Amino acid sequence: IEVQIRLRDHLKRYPDFYNEEIFREVIEETESTFKEI
């Protein structure tokens, strides 16, 4: 849950980052992290 909050806060600070392909990679890494947990 903390990761999601950090992601939302990050998106608010960097709206442009939301449209980058890098954002997709971050989500994939986040999902894989949740699976590991």
C-alpha atoms as a PDB file:
ATOM      1  CA  ILE A   1       0.000   0.000   0.000  1.00  0.00           C
ATOM      2  CA  GLU A   2       2.863   2.372   0.787  1.00  0.00           C
ATOM      3  CA  VAL A   3       4.210   1.860  -2.709  1.00  0.00           C
ATOM      4  CA  GLN A   4       0.918   2.904  -4.255  1.00  0.00           C
ATOM      5  CA  ILE A   5       0.810   6.022  -2.092  1.00  0.00           C
ATOM      6  CA  ARG A   6       4.364   6.886  -3.102  1.00  0.00           C
ATOM      7  CA  LEU A   7       3.475   6.349  -6.751  1.00  0.00           C
ATOM      8  CA  ARG A   8       0.455   8.654  -6.481  1.00  0.00           C
ATOM      9  CA  ASP A   9       2.527  11.310  -4.730  1.00  0.00           C
ATOM     10  CA  HIS A  10       5.197  10.954  -7.407  1.00  0.00           C
ATOM     11  CA  LEU A  11       2.606  11.367 -10.162  1.00  0.00           C
ATOM     12  CA  LYS A  12       1.326  14.542  -8.531  1.00  0.00           C
ATOM     13  CA  ARG A  13       4.842  15.948  -8.421  1.00  0.00           C
ATOM     14  CA  TYR A  14       5.791  14.790 -11.908  1.00  0.00           C
ATOM     15  CA  PRO A  15       2.660  14.652 -14.126  1.00  0.00           C
ATOM     16  CA  ASP A  16       4.776  14.363 -17.277  1.00  0.00           C
ATOM     17  CA  PHE A  17       6.333  11.188 -15.937  1.00  0.00           C
ATOM     18  CA  TYR A  18       2.884   9.607 -16.048  1.00  0.00           C
ATOM     19  CA  ASN A  19       2.940   9.564 -19.842  1.00  0.00           C
ATOM     20  CA  GLU A  20       6.422   8.092 -20.133  1.00  0.00           C
ATOM     21  CA  GLU A  21       7.063   4.458 -20.971  1.00  0.00           C
ATOM     22  CA  ILE A  22       9.258   4.364 -17.890  1.00  0.00           C
ATOM     23  CA  PHE A  23       6.085   4.619 -15.811  1.00  0.00           C
ATOM     24  CA  ARG A  24       4.931   1.299 -17.235  1.00  0.00           C
ATOM     25  CA  GLU A  25       8.209  -0.309 -16.206  1.00  0.00           C
ATOM     26  CA  VAL A  26       7.806   1.104 -12.703  1.00  0.00           C
ATOM     27  CA  ILE A  27       4.314  -0.393 -12.459  1.00  0.00           C
ATOM     28  CA  GLU A  28       5.600  -3.767 -13.630  1.00  0.00           C
ATOM     29  CA  GLU A  29       8.374  -3.657 -11.039  1.00  0.00           C
ATOM     30  CA  THR A  30       5.838  -2.650  -8.392  1.00  0.00           C
ATOM     31  CA  GLU A  31       3.502  -5.505  -9.309  1.00  0.00           C
ATOM     32  CA  SER A  32       6.351  -8.006  -9.241  1.00  0.00           C
ATOM     33  CA  THR A  33       7.355  -6.649  -5.842  1.00  0.00           C
ATOM     34  CA  PHE A  34       3.813  -7.153  -4.542  1.00  0.00           C
ATOM     35  CA  LYS A  35       3.862 -10.723  -5.850  1.00  0.00           C
ATOM     36  CA  GLU A  36       7.128 -11.404  -4.027  1.00  0.00           C
ATOM     37  CA  ILE A  37       5.622 -10.095  -0.811  1.00  0.00           C
END
